[in-house]
PDB file of all heavy atoms in Angstrom:
ATOM      1  N   LEU A   1      21.105  22.588 -66.444  1.00  0.00           N
ATOM      2  CA  LEU A   1      21.637  21.238 -66.881  1.00  0.00           C
ATOM      3  C   LEU A   1      21.276  20.951 -68.345  1.00  0.00           C
ATOM      4  O   LEU A   1      21.998  20.553 -69.142  1.00  0.00           O
ATOM      5  CB  LEU A   1      21.167  20.077 -66.008  1.00  0.00           C
ATOM      6  CG  LEU A   1      22.041  20.026 -64.588  1.00  0.00           C
ATOM      7  CD1 LEU A   1      21.262  18.893 -63.810  1.00  0.00           C
ATOM      8  CD2 LEU A   1      23.399  19.841 -64.767  1.00  0.00           C
ATOM      9  N   SER A   2      19.938  21.192 -68.652  1.00  0.00           N
ATOM     10  CA  SER A   2      19.395  20.989 -69.976  1.00  0.00           C
ATOM     11  C   SER A   2      20.236  21.892 -70.965  1.00  0.00           C
ATOM     12  O   SER A   2      20.554  21.517 -72.100  1.00  0.00           O
ATOM     13  CB  SER A   2      18.012  21.214 -70.128  1.00  0.00           C
ATOM     14  OG  SER A   2      17.432  21.056 -71.367  1.00  0.00           O
ATOM     15  N   LEU A   3      20.351  23.180 -70.604  1.00  0.00           N
ATOM     16  CA  LEU A   3      20.966  24.173 -71.499  1.00  0.00           C
ATOM     17  C   LEU A   3      22.497  23.762 -71.620  1.00  0.00           C
ATOM     18  O   LEU A   3      23.066  23.765 -72.803  1.00  0.00           O
ATOM     19  CB  LEU A   3      20.918  25.557 -70.845  1.00  0.00           C
ATOM     20  CG  LEU A   3      21.419  26.713 -71.654  1.00  0.00           C
ATOM     21  CD1 LEU A   3      20.825  26.894 -72.996  1.00  0.00           C
ATOM     22  CD2 LEU A   3      21.291  27.959 -70.886  1.00  0.00           C
ATOM     23  N   PHE A   4      22.987  23.375 -70.651  1.00  0.00           N
ATOM     24  CA  PHE A   4      24.520  23.040 -70.652  1.00  0.00           C
ATOM     25  C   PHE A   4      24.724  21.758 -71.560  1.00  0.00           C
ATOM     26  O   PHE A   4      25.595  21.709 -72.381  1.00  0.00           O
ATOM     27  CB  PHE A   4      25.084  22.687 -69.200  1.00  0.00           C
ATOM     28  CG  PHE A   4      26.485  22.047 -69.292  1.00  0.00           C
ATOM     29  CD1 PHE A   4      27.499  22.963 -69.557  1.00  0.00           C
ATOM     30  CD2 PHE A   4      26.632  20.831 -69.030  1.00  0.00           C
ATOM     31  CE1 PHE A   4      28.865  22.459 -69.569  1.00  0.00           C
ATOM     32  CE2 PHE A   4      28.030  20.194 -69.017  1.00  0.00           C
ATOM     33  CZ  PHE A   4      29.057  21.029 -69.260  1.00  0.00           C
ATOM     34  N   ASN A   5      23.933  20.765 -71.300  1.00  0.00           N
ATOM     35  CA  ASN A   5      24.057  19.438 -72.076  1.00  0.00           C
ATOM     36  C   ASN A   5      23.675  19.605 -73.598  1.00  0.00           C
ATOM     37  O   ASN A   5      24.399  19.077 -74.373  1.00  0.00           O
ATOM     38  CB  ASN A   5      23.219  18.318 -71.406  1.00  0.00           C
ATOM     39  CG  ASN A   5      23.692  17.947 -70.018  1.00  0.00           C
ATOM     40  OD1 ASN A   5      24.940  17.886 -69.850  1.00  0.00           O
ATOM     41  ND2 ASN A   5      22.800  17.478 -69.120  1.00  0.00           N
ATOM     42  N   ASP A   6      22.691  20.286 -73.881  1.00  0.00           N
ATOM     43  CA  ASP A   6      22.156  20.469 -75.243  1.00  0.00           C
ATOM     44  C   ASP A   6      22.861  21.432 -76.109  1.00  0.00           C
ATOM     45  O   ASP A   6      23.157  21.303 -77.220  1.00  0.00           O
ATOM     46  CB  ASP A   6      20.689  20.703 -75.252  1.00  0.00           C
ATOM     47  CG  ASP A   6      19.846  19.534 -74.663  1.00  0.00           C
ATOM     48  OD1 ASP A   6      20.454  18.483 -74.486  1.00  0.00           O
ATOM     49  OD2 ASP A   6      18.735  19.828 -74.190  1.00  0.00           O
ATOM     50  N   GLU A   7      23.114  22.635 -75.478  1.00  0.00           N
ATOM     51  CA  GLU A   7      23.699  23.752 -76.242  1.00  0.00           C
ATOM     52  C   GLU A   7      25.144  23.973 -75.992  1.00  0.00           C
ATOM     53  O   GLU A   7      25.754  24.587 -76.987  1.00  0.00           O
ATOM     54  CB  GLU A   7      22.929  24.941 -75.840  1.00  0.00           C
ATOM     55  CG  GLU A   7      21.434  24.913 -76.031  1.00  0.00           C
ATOM     56  CD  GLU A   7      21.070  24.742 -77.540  1.00  0.00           C
ATOM     57  OE1 GLU A   7      21.846  25.217 -78.318  1.00  0.00           O
ATOM     58  OE2 GLU A   7      20.082  24.157 -77.808  1.00  0.00           O
ATOM     59  N   ILE A   8      25.814  23.391 -75.040  1.00  0.00           N
ATOM     60  CA  ILE A   8      27.198  23.715 -74.873  1.00  0.00           C
ATOM     61  C   ILE A   8      28.105  22.511 -74.838  1.00  0.00           C
ATOM     62  O   ILE A   8      28.950  22.356 -75.768  1.00  0.00           O
ATOM     63  CB  ILE A   8      27.332  24.449 -73.438  1.00  0.00           C
ATOM     64  CG1 ILE A   8      26.504  25.766 -73.409  1.00  0.00           C
ATOM     65  CG2 ILE A   8      28.802  24.667 -73.031  1.00  0.00           C
ATOM     66  CD1 ILE A   8      26.643  26.515 -72.171  1.00  0.00           C
ATOM     67  N   SER A   9      27.793  21.573 -74.005  1.00  0.00           N
ATOM     68  CA  SER A   9      28.635  20.353 -73.944  1.00  0.00           C
ATOM     69  C   SER A   9      28.590  19.646 -75.194  1.00  0.00           C
ATOM     70  O   SER A   9      29.717  19.167 -75.725  1.00  0.00           O
ATOM     71  CB  SER A   9      28.155  19.459 -72.732  1.00  0.00           C
ATOM     72  OG  SER A   9      29.016  18.238 -72.656  1.00  0.00           O
ATOM     73  N   ALA A  10      27.488  19.407 -75.829  1.00  0.00           N
ATOM     74  CA  ALA A  10      27.476  18.772 -77.133  1.00  0.00           C
ATOM     75  C   ALA A  10      28.336  19.395 -78.270  1.00  0.00           C
ATOM     76  O   ALA A  10      28.579  18.821 -79.173  1.00  0.00           O
ATOM     77  CB  ALA A  10      25.953  18.661 -77.585  1.00  0.00           C
ATOM     78  N   ARG A  11      28.736  20.707 -78.062  1.00  0.00           N
ATOM     79  CA  ARG A  11      29.426  21.390 -79.152  1.00  0.00           C
ATOM     80  C   ARG A  11      30.913  21.438 -78.691  1.00  0.00           C
ATOM     81  O   ARG A  11      31.668  22.050 -79.597  1.00  0.00           O
ATOM     82  CB  ARG A  11      28.889  22.718 -79.287  1.00  0.00           C
ATOM     83  CG  ARG A  11      27.439  22.761 -79.693  1.00  0.00           C
ATOM     84  CD  ARG A  11      26.878  24.154 -79.954  1.00  0.00           C
ATOM     85  NE  ARG A  11      25.470  24.067 -80.302  1.00  0.00           N
ATOM     86  CZ  ARG A  11      24.781  25.173 -80.735  1.00  0.00           C
ATOM     87  NH1 ARG A  11      25.419  26.372 -80.838  1.00  0.00           N
ATOM     88  NH2 ARG A  11      23.434  25.105 -80.936  1.00  0.00           N
ATOM     89  N   ILE A  12      31.277  21.009 -77.600  1.00  0.00           N
ATOM     90  CA  ILE A  12      32.657  21.151 -77.200  1.00  0.00           C
ATOM     91  C   ILE A  12      33.236  19.713 -77.133  1.00  0.00           C
ATOM     92  O   ILE A  12      32.666  18.866 -76.396  1.00  0.00           O
ATOM     93  CB  ILE A  12      32.869  21.747 -75.867  1.00  0.00           C
ATOM     94  CG1 ILE A  12      32.145  23.107 -75.733  1.00  0.00           C
ATOM     95  CG2 ILE A  12      34.340  21.785 -75.456  1.00  0.00           C
ATOM     96  CD1 ILE A  12      32.819  24.137 -76.729  1.00  0.00           C
ATOM     97  N   ASN A  13      34.239  19.314 -77.898  1.00  0.00           N
ATOM     98  CA  ASN A  13      34.765  18.076 -77.933  1.00  0.00           C
ATOM     99  C   ASN A  13      35.674  17.780 -76.929  1.00  0.00           C
ATOM    100  O   ASN A  13      37.077  17.803 -77.029  1.00  0.00           O
ATOM    101  CB  ASN A  13      35.365  17.767 -79.343  1.00  0.00           C
ATOM    102  CG  ASN A  13      35.950  16.389 -79.474  1.00  0.00           C
ATOM    103  OD1 ASN A  13      35.355  15.438 -78.723  1.00  0.00           O
ATOM    104  ND2 ASN A  13      36.974  16.210 -80.366  1.00  0.00           N
ATOM    105  N   TYR A  14      35.262  17.753 -75.579  1.00  0.00           N
ATOM    106  CA  TYR A  14      36.215  17.480 -74.460  1.00  0.00           C
ATOM    107  C   TYR A  14      35.427  16.744 -73.415  1.00  0.00           C
ATOM    108  O   TYR A  14      34.475  17.170 -72.830  1.00  0.00           O
ATOM    109  CB  TYR A  14      36.584  18.835 -73.859  1.00  0.00           C
ATOM    110  CG  TYR A  14      37.824  18.672 -73.016  1.00  0.00           C
ATOM    111  CD1 TYR A  14      39.097  18.157 -73.414  1.00  0.00           C
ATOM    112  CD2 TYR A  14      37.803  18.984 -71.678  1.00  0.00           C
ATOM    113  CE1 TYR A  14      40.128  17.866 -72.557  1.00  0.00           C
ATOM    114  CE2 TYR A  14      38.808  18.904 -70.806  1.00  0.00           C
ATOM    115  CZ  TYR A  14      39.953  18.325 -71.214  1.00  0.00           C
ATOM    116  OH  TYR A  14      41.105  18.171 -70.407  1.00  0.00           O
ATOM    117  N   GLU A  15      35.840  15.487 -73.208  1.00  0.00           N
ATOM    118  CA  GLU A  15      35.164  14.613 -72.194  1.00  0.00           C
ATOM    119  C   GLU A  15      35.229  14.910 -70.832  1.00  0.00           C
ATOM    120  O   GLU A  15      34.328  14.686 -70.095  1.00  0.00           O
ATOM    121  CB  GLU A  15      35.690  13.236 -72.390  1.00  0.00           C
ATOM    122  CG  GLU A  15      35.429  12.424 -73.714  1.00  0.00           C
ATOM    123  CD  GLU A  15      35.925  11.088 -73.693  1.00  0.00           C
ATOM    124  OE1 GLU A  15      36.579  10.605 -72.730  1.00  0.00           O
ATOM    125  OE2 GLU A  15      35.767  10.416 -74.777  1.00  0.00           O
ATOM    126  N   GLN A  16      36.205  15.799 -70.454  1.00  0.00           N
ATOM    127  CA  GLN A  16      36.347  16.226 -69.102  1.00  0.00           C
ATOM    128  C   GLN A  16      35.713  17.658 -68.774  1.00  0.00           C
ATOM    129  O   GLN A  16      36.073  18.338 -67.942  1.00  0.00           O
ATOM    130  CB  GLN A  16      37.812  16.280 -68.682  1.00  0.00           C
ATOM    131  CG  GLN A  16      38.358  14.741 -68.576  1.00  0.00           C
ATOM    132  CD  GLN A  16      39.842  14.726 -68.454  1.00  0.00           C
ATOM    133  OE1 GLN A  16      40.529  14.480 -69.415  1.00  0.00           O
ATOM    134  NE2 GLN A  16      40.249  14.995 -67.194  1.00  0.00           N
ATOM    135  N   LEU A  17      34.726  18.075 -69.681  1.00  0.00           N
ATOM    136  CA  LEU A  17      33.948  19.238 -69.370  1.00  0.00           C
ATOM    137  C   LEU A  17      32.819  18.969 -68.545  1.00  0.00           C
ATOM    138  O   LEU A  17      31.970  18.150 -68.708  1.00  0.00           O
ATOM    139  CB  LEU A  17      33.480  19.849 -70.773  1.00  0.00           C
ATOM    140  CG  LEU A  17      32.603  20.987 -70.747  1.00  0.00           C
ATOM    141  CD1 LEU A  17      33.332  22.214 -70.072  1.00  0.00           C
ATOM    142  CD2 LEU A  17      32.081  21.279 -72.048  1.00  0.00           C
ATOM    143  N   HIS A  18      32.785  19.769 -67.379  1.00  0.00           N
ATOM    144  CA  HIS A  18      31.754  19.565 -66.381  1.00  0.00           C
ATOM    145  C   HIS A  18      30.979  20.934 -66.143  1.00  0.00           C
ATOM    146  O   HIS A  18      31.499  22.020 -66.616  1.00  0.00           O
ATOM    147  CB  HIS A  18      32.372  19.030 -65.076  1.00  0.00           C
ATOM    148  CG  HIS A  18      33.039  17.804 -65.257  1.00  0.00           C
ATOM    149  ND1 HIS A  18      32.548  16.634 -65.584  1.00  0.00           N
ATOM    150  CD2 HIS A  18      34.475  17.665 -65.213  1.00  0.00           C
ATOM    151  CE1 HIS A  18      33.495  15.632 -65.747  1.00  0.00           C
ATOM    152  NE2 HIS A  18      34.659  16.304 -65.533  1.00  0.00           N
ATOM    153  N   PHE A  19      29.970  20.876 -65.272  1.00  0.00           N
ATOM    154  CA  PHE A  19      29.133  22.115 -65.144  1.00  0.00           C
ATOM    155  C   PHE A  19      28.858  22.233 -63.628  1.00  0.00           C
ATOM    156  O   PHE A  19      28.503  21.205 -62.955  1.00  0.00           O
ATOM    157  CB  PHE A  19      27.899  22.052 -65.847  1.00  0.00           C
ATOM    158  CG  PHE A  19      26.913  23.216 -65.532  1.00  0.00           C
ATOM    159  CD1 PHE A  19      27.175  24.479 -65.846  1.00  0.00           C
ATOM    160  CD2 PHE A  19      25.668  22.959 -65.017  1.00  0.00           C
ATOM    161  CE1 PHE A  19      26.284  25.591 -65.580  1.00  0.00           C
ATOM    162  CE2 PHE A  19      24.859  24.046 -64.549  1.00  0.00           C
ATOM    163  CZ  PHE A  19      25.069  25.304 -64.938  1.00  0.00           C
ATOM    164  N   ASN A  20      28.824  23.480 -63.189  1.00  0.00           N
ATOM    165  CA  ASN A  20      28.506  23.726 -61.756  1.00  0.00           C
ATOM    166  C   ASN A  20      27.569  24.966 -61.665  1.00  0.00           C
ATOM    167  O   ASN A  20      27.958  26.074 -62.193  1.00  0.00           O
ATOM    168  CB  ASN A  20      29.746  23.971 -60.808  1.00  0.00           C
ATOM    169  CG  ASN A  20      29.367  24.377 -59.386  1.00  0.00           C
ATOM    170  OD1 ASN A  20      28.550  23.774 -58.744  1.00  0.00           O
ATOM    171  ND2 ASN A  20      30.093  25.371 -58.969  1.00  0.00           N
ATOM    172  N   ASN A  21      26.442  24.832 -61.077  1.00  0.00           N
ATOM    173  CA  ASN A  21      25.502  25.860 -60.928  1.00  0.00           C
ATOM    174  C   ASN A  21      25.422  26.436 -59.458  1.00  0.00           C
ATOM    175  O   ASN A  21      25.055  25.770 -58.612  1.00  0.00           O
ATOM    176  CB  ASN A  21      24.048  25.423 -61.298  1.00  0.00           C
ATOM    177  CG  ASN A  21      23.058  26.528 -61.335  1.00  0.00           C
ATOM    178  OD1 ASN A  21      23.456  27.723 -61.322  1.00  0.00           O
ATOM    179  ND2 ASN A  21      21.839  26.244 -61.407  1.00  0.00           N
ATOM    180  N   THR A  22      26.046  27.674 -59.276  1.00  0.00           N
ATOM    181  CA  THR A  22      26.138  28.257 -57.916  1.00  0.00           C
ATOM    182  C   THR A  22      25.086  29.379 -57.810  1.00  0.00           C
ATOM    183  O   THR A  22      24.941  30.124 -58.721  1.00  0.00           O
ATOM    184  CB  THR A  22      27.581  28.664 -57.577  1.00  0.00           C
ATOM    185  OG1 THR A  22      27.571  29.301 -56.265  1.00  0.00           O
ATOM    186  CG2 THR A  22      28.073  29.709 -58.689  1.00  0.00           C
ATOM    187  N   LYS A  23      24.612  29.580 -56.496  1.00  0.00           N
ATOM    188  CA  LYS A  23      23.735  30.582 -56.329  1.00  0.00           C
ATOM    189  C   LYS A  23      24.430  31.663 -55.617  1.00  0.00           C
ATOM    190  O   LYS A  23      23.808  32.738 -55.371  1.00  0.00           O
ATOM    191  CB  LYS A  23      22.586  30.108 -55.452  1.00  0.00           C
ATOM    192  CG  LYS A  23      21.631  29.149 -56.093  1.00  0.00           C
ATOM    193  CD  LYS A  23      20.378  28.783 -55.413  1.00  0.00           C
ATOM    194  CE  LYS A  23      19.468  27.850 -55.953  1.00  0.00           C
ATOM    195  NZ  LYS A  23      18.251  27.544 -55.190  1.00  0.00           N
ATOM    196  N   GLU A  24      25.745  31.619 -55.452  1.00  0.00           N
ATOM    197  CA  GLU A  24      26.550  32.728 -54.886  1.00  0.00           C
ATOM    198  C   GLU A  24      26.503  33.924 -55.629  1.00  0.00           C
ATOM    199  O   GLU A  24      26.695  33.909 -56.941  1.00  0.00           O
ATOM    200  CB  GLU A  24      27.964  32.253 -54.647  1.00  0.00           C
ATOM    201  CG  GLU A  24      28.813  33.276 -54.036  1.00  0.00           C
ATOM    202  CD  GLU A  24      28.476  33.668 -52.667  1.00  0.00           C
ATOM    203  OE1 GLU A  24      28.541  32.900 -51.852  1.00  0.00           O
ATOM    204  OE2 GLU A  24      28.057  34.876 -52.561  1.00  0.00           O
ATOM    205  N   ARG A  25      26.317  35.007 -55.148  1.00  0.00           N
ATOM    206  CA  ARG A  25      26.175  36.340 -55.687  1.00  0.00           C
ATOM    207  C   ARG A  25      27.501  37.210 -55.587  1.00  0.00           C
ATOM    208  O   ARG A  25      27.804  37.947 -56.459  1.00  0.00           O
ATOM    209  CB  ARG A  25      24.995  37.113 -55.153  1.00  0.00           C
ATOM    210  CG  ARG A  25      23.664  36.755 -55.724  1.00  0.00           C
ATOM    211  CD  ARG A  25      23.468  37.115 -57.068  1.00  0.00           C
ATOM    212  NE  ARG A  25      22.032  36.858 -57.493  1.00  0.00           N
ATOM    213  CZ  ARG A  25      21.503  37.211 -58.771  1.00  0.00           C
ATOM    214  NH1 ARG A  25      22.396  37.641 -59.646  1.00  0.00           N
ATOM    215  NH2 ARG A  25      20.297  36.872 -59.095  1.00  0.00           N
TER     216      ARG A  25
END
């Protein structure tokens, strides 16, 4: 979540960008 919020979401100008972390292999 920290990586997504700080390094990815903050650089993409789109309010409806979300993140899902799955453990499925």
